[in-house]
Amino acid sequence: MPQLVPEDWAPQLIWLAITFGLLYVLMVYVALPRIGKVIETRAAHIAADLAAADKLRRETEEAIAAYEQALAEAKQKAHAIVDEGRAKLKAETDAERVKLDKELGKKSAEAERRIEEAKNSAMKDLNAVAADVAADIVQRLIGAAPAKPEIEKAVETVRKA
């Protein structure tokens, strides 16, 4: 093996230095600048992406805040509309109730008046019918018909008692 022979060491060291020097120059002037440019480009791209993401995050937060505010305003408007509708409906219902109470009061008074008239009419007829029945009963029992004024007076006395 040539690397173990001490006479071959000097040329091998010279070729090692030449090769190392060429690789060093090649790395310093060609490879490392390209790698540096790629790293800088990637860093700039990552920074731009982070800035865009931060901007979008802020816009999203603003949009969410605007949405929540709009939602709260819509809820308030809806509650106001519902409350207004309830108040309007209650007012209409109360007005209708008052109107119906008045109509029912009128109809009730009219019905009471008609009932009183019917009652009075029936009482007049009742007196006449009672007098006729009493006259028939008396005539059947005793065979003679009493005078009509006497029968009416007797019916009136019994009815008041």
Protein backbone atom coordinates (compact mmCIF):
# COMPACT_ATOMS: atom_id res chain seq x y z
CA MET A 1 0.00 0.00 0.00
CA PRO A 2 1.47 3.25 -1.16
CA GLN A 3 0.20 5.44 1.66
CA LEU A 4 2.17 3.40 4.18
CA VAL A 5 5.50 3.92 2.38
CA PRO A 6 7.29 6.92 3.95
CA GLU A 7 8.96 7.98 0.64
CA ASP A 8 5.54 8.54 -0.96
CA TRP A 9 4.32 10.81 1.81
CA ALA A 10 5.76 14.09 0.50
CA PRO A 11 4.07 13.93 -2.94
CA GLN A 12 0.86 12.78 -1.31
CA LEU A 13 0.92 15.73 1.11
CA ILE A 14 1.52 18.15 -1.77
CA TRP A 15 -1.40 16.70 -3.76
CA LEU A 16 -3.51 16.79 -0.56
CA ALA A 17 -2.71 20.51 -0.09
CA ILE A 18 -3.42 21.30 -3.79
CA THR A 19 -6.70 19.35 -3.75
CA PHE A 20 -7.75 20.85 -0.39
CA GLY A 21 -6.90 24.37 -1.66
CA LEU A 22 -8.89 23.89 -4.88
CA LEU A 23 -11.89 22.50 -2.96
CA TYR A 24 -11.62 25.34 -0.45
CA VAL A 25 -11.57 27.99 -3.21
CA LEU A 26 -14.38 26.21 -5.03
CA MET A 27 -16.47 26.12 -1.83
CA VAL A 28 -15.73 29.74 -0.85
CA TYR A 29 -16.36 31.33 -4.25
CA VAL A 30 -18.93 29.05 -5.86
CA ALA A 31 -20.87 26.72 -3.56
CA LEU A 32 -21.19 28.79 -0.37
CA PRO A 33 -22.42 31.97 -2.16
CA ARG A 34 -25.09 29.94 -3.94
CA ILE A 35 -26.14 28.28 -0.68
CA GLY A 36 -26.17 31.72 1.00
CA LYS A 37 -28.38 33.14 -1.73
CA VAL A 38 -30.79 30.21 -1.39
CA ILE A 39 -30.89 30.64 2.39
CA GLU A 40 -31.46 34.41 2.07
CA THR A 41 -34.19 33.87 -0.54
CA ARG A 42 -35.90 31.29 1.65
CA ALA A 43 -35.59 33.54 4.71
CA ALA A 44 -37.08 36.47 2.76
CA HIS A 45 -39.86 34.24 1.44
CA ILE A 46 -40.61 32.92 4.95
CA ALA A 47 -40.60 36.47 6.34
CA ALA A 48 -42.99 37.59 3.60
CA ASP A 49 -45.24 34.61 4.27
CA LEU A 50 -45.22 35.37 8.01
CA ALA A 51 -46.04 39.03 7.34
CA ALA A 52 -48.88 38.03 5.00
CA ALA A 53 -50.17 35.53 7.57
CA ASP A 54 -50.04 38.17 10.30
CA LYS A 55 -51.88 40.63 8.05
CA LEU A 56 -54.54 38.03 7.23
CA ARG A 57 -54.85 37.15 10.93
CA ARG A 58 -55.45 40.81 11.80
CA GLU A 59 -57.98 41.14 8.95
CA THR A 60 -59.72 37.98 10.17
CA GLU A 61 -59.88 39.33 13.71
CA GLU A 62 -61.29 42.62 12.40
CA ALA A 63 -63.84 40.74 10.30
CA ILE A 64 -64.85 38.62 13.29
CA ALA A 65 -65.19 41.73 15.46
CA ALA A 66 -67.28 43.44 12.76
CA TYR A 67 -69.42 40.31 12.41
CA GLU A 68 -69.99 40.08 16.15
CA GLN A 69 -70.87 43.76 16.31
CA ALA A 70 -73.28 43.42 13.38
CA LEU A 71 -74.79 40.33 15.01
CA ALA A 72 -75.26 42.19 18.31
CA GLU A 73 -76.88 45.12 16.49
CA ALA A 74 -79.15 42.75 14.58
CA LYS A 75 -80.17 41.06 17.84
CA GLN A 76 -80.94 44.45 19.39
CA LYS A 77 -83.00 45.46 16.36
CA ALA A 78 -84.82 42.13 16.42
CA HIS A 79 -85.61 42.54 20.13
CA ALA A 80 -86.80 46.10 19.48
CA ILE A 81 -89.02 44.92 16.63
CA VAL A 82 -90.42 42.09 18.76
CA ASP A 83 -91.05 44.43 21.70
CA GLU A 84 -92.69 46.96 19.39
CA GLY A 85 -94.85 44.22 17.87
CA ARG A 86 -95.85 42.97 21.30
CA ALA A 87 -96.76 46.48 22.45
CA LYS A 88 -98.74 47.11 19.27
CA LEU A 89 -100.51 43.76 19.54
CA LYS A 90 -101.30 44.39 23.22
CA ALA A 91 -102.71 47.83 22.39
CA GLU A 92 -104.82 46.38 19.58
CA THR A 93 -106.00 43.55 21.82
CA ASP A 94 -106.89 45.96 24.62
CA ALA A 95 -108.77 48.21 22.20
CA GLU A 96 -110.63 45.21 20.77
CA ARG A 97 -111.42 43.98 24.29
CA VAL A 98 -112.84 47.37 25.28
CA LYS A 99 -114.89 47.44 22.10
CA LEU A 100 -116.21 43.93 22.71
CA ASP A 101 -116.97 44.76 26.36
CA LYS A 102 -119.03 47.75 25.22
CA GLU A 103 -120.86 45.67 22.62
CA LEU A 104 -121.51 42.89 25.11
CA GLY A 105 -122.72 45.44 27.67
CA LYS A 106 -125.15 46.86 25.12
CA LYS A 107 -126.33 43.42 24.06
CA SER A 108 -126.67 42.34 27.69
CA ALA A 109 -128.72 45.43 28.55
CA GLU A 110 -130.89 44.84 25.47
CA ALA A 111 -131.35 41.17 26.41
CA GLU A 112 -132.26 42.10 30.00
CA ARG A 113 -134.79 44.65 28.70
CA ARG A 114 -136.35 42.06 26.38
CA ILE A 115 -136.44 39.48 29.17
CA GLU A 116 -138.15 42.00 31.47
CA GLU A 117 -140.68 42.83 28.73
CA ALA A 118 -141.31 39.13 28.11
CA LYS A 119 -141.66 38.55 31.84
CA ASN A 120 -144.13 41.41 32.20
CA SER A 121 -146.05 40.21 29.17
CA ALA A 122 -146.07 36.67 30.52
CA MET A 123 -147.28 37.89 33.89
CA LYS A 124 -150.14 39.76 32.29
CA ASP A 125 -151.06 36.69 30.30
CA LEU A 126 -150.53 34.55 33.40
CA ASN A 127 -153.06 36.57 35.33
CA ALA A 128 -155.59 36.17 32.53
CA VAL A 129 -154.89 32.43 32.17
CA ALA A 130 -154.99 31.91 35.95
CA ALA A 131 -158.31 33.76 36.13
CA ASP A 132 -159.75 31.62 33.32
CA VAL A 133 -158.53 28.37 34.93
CA ALA A 134 -159.83 29.45 38.34
CA ALA A 135 -163.23 30.30 36.80
CA ASP A 136 -163.38 26.86 35.11
CA ILE A 137 -162.41 25.07 38.33
CA VAL A 138 -164.96 26.99 40.41
CA GLN A 139 -167.68 26.36 37.83
CA ARG A 140 -166.95 22.63 37.79
CA LEU A 141 -166.79 22.41 41.54
CA ILE A 142 -169.90 24.42 42.44
CA GLY A 143 -171.68 24.56 39.12
CA ALA A 144 -171.91 28.37 39.00
CA ALA A 145 -169.41 30.77 37.41
CA PRO A 146 -168.24 33.58 39.69
CA ALA A 147 -167.91 37.18 38.46
CA LYS A 148 -164.77 37.93 36.47
CA PRO A 149 -163.65 40.89 38.69
CA GLU A 150 -163.87 38.68 41.78
CA ILE A 151 -161.74 35.97 40.16
CA GLU A 152 -159.11 38.49 38.99
CA LYS A 153 -158.99 40.02 42.49
CA ALA A 154 -158.52 36.59 44.05
CA VAL A 155 -155.76 35.63 41.57
CA GLU A 156 -153.98 38.95 42.19
CA THR A 157 -154.17 38.45 45.97
CA VAL A 158 -152.77 34.91 45.76
CA ARG A 159 -150.02 35.96 43.38
CA LYS A 160 -148.79 38.76 45.66
CA ALA A 161 -148.77 36.54 48.73
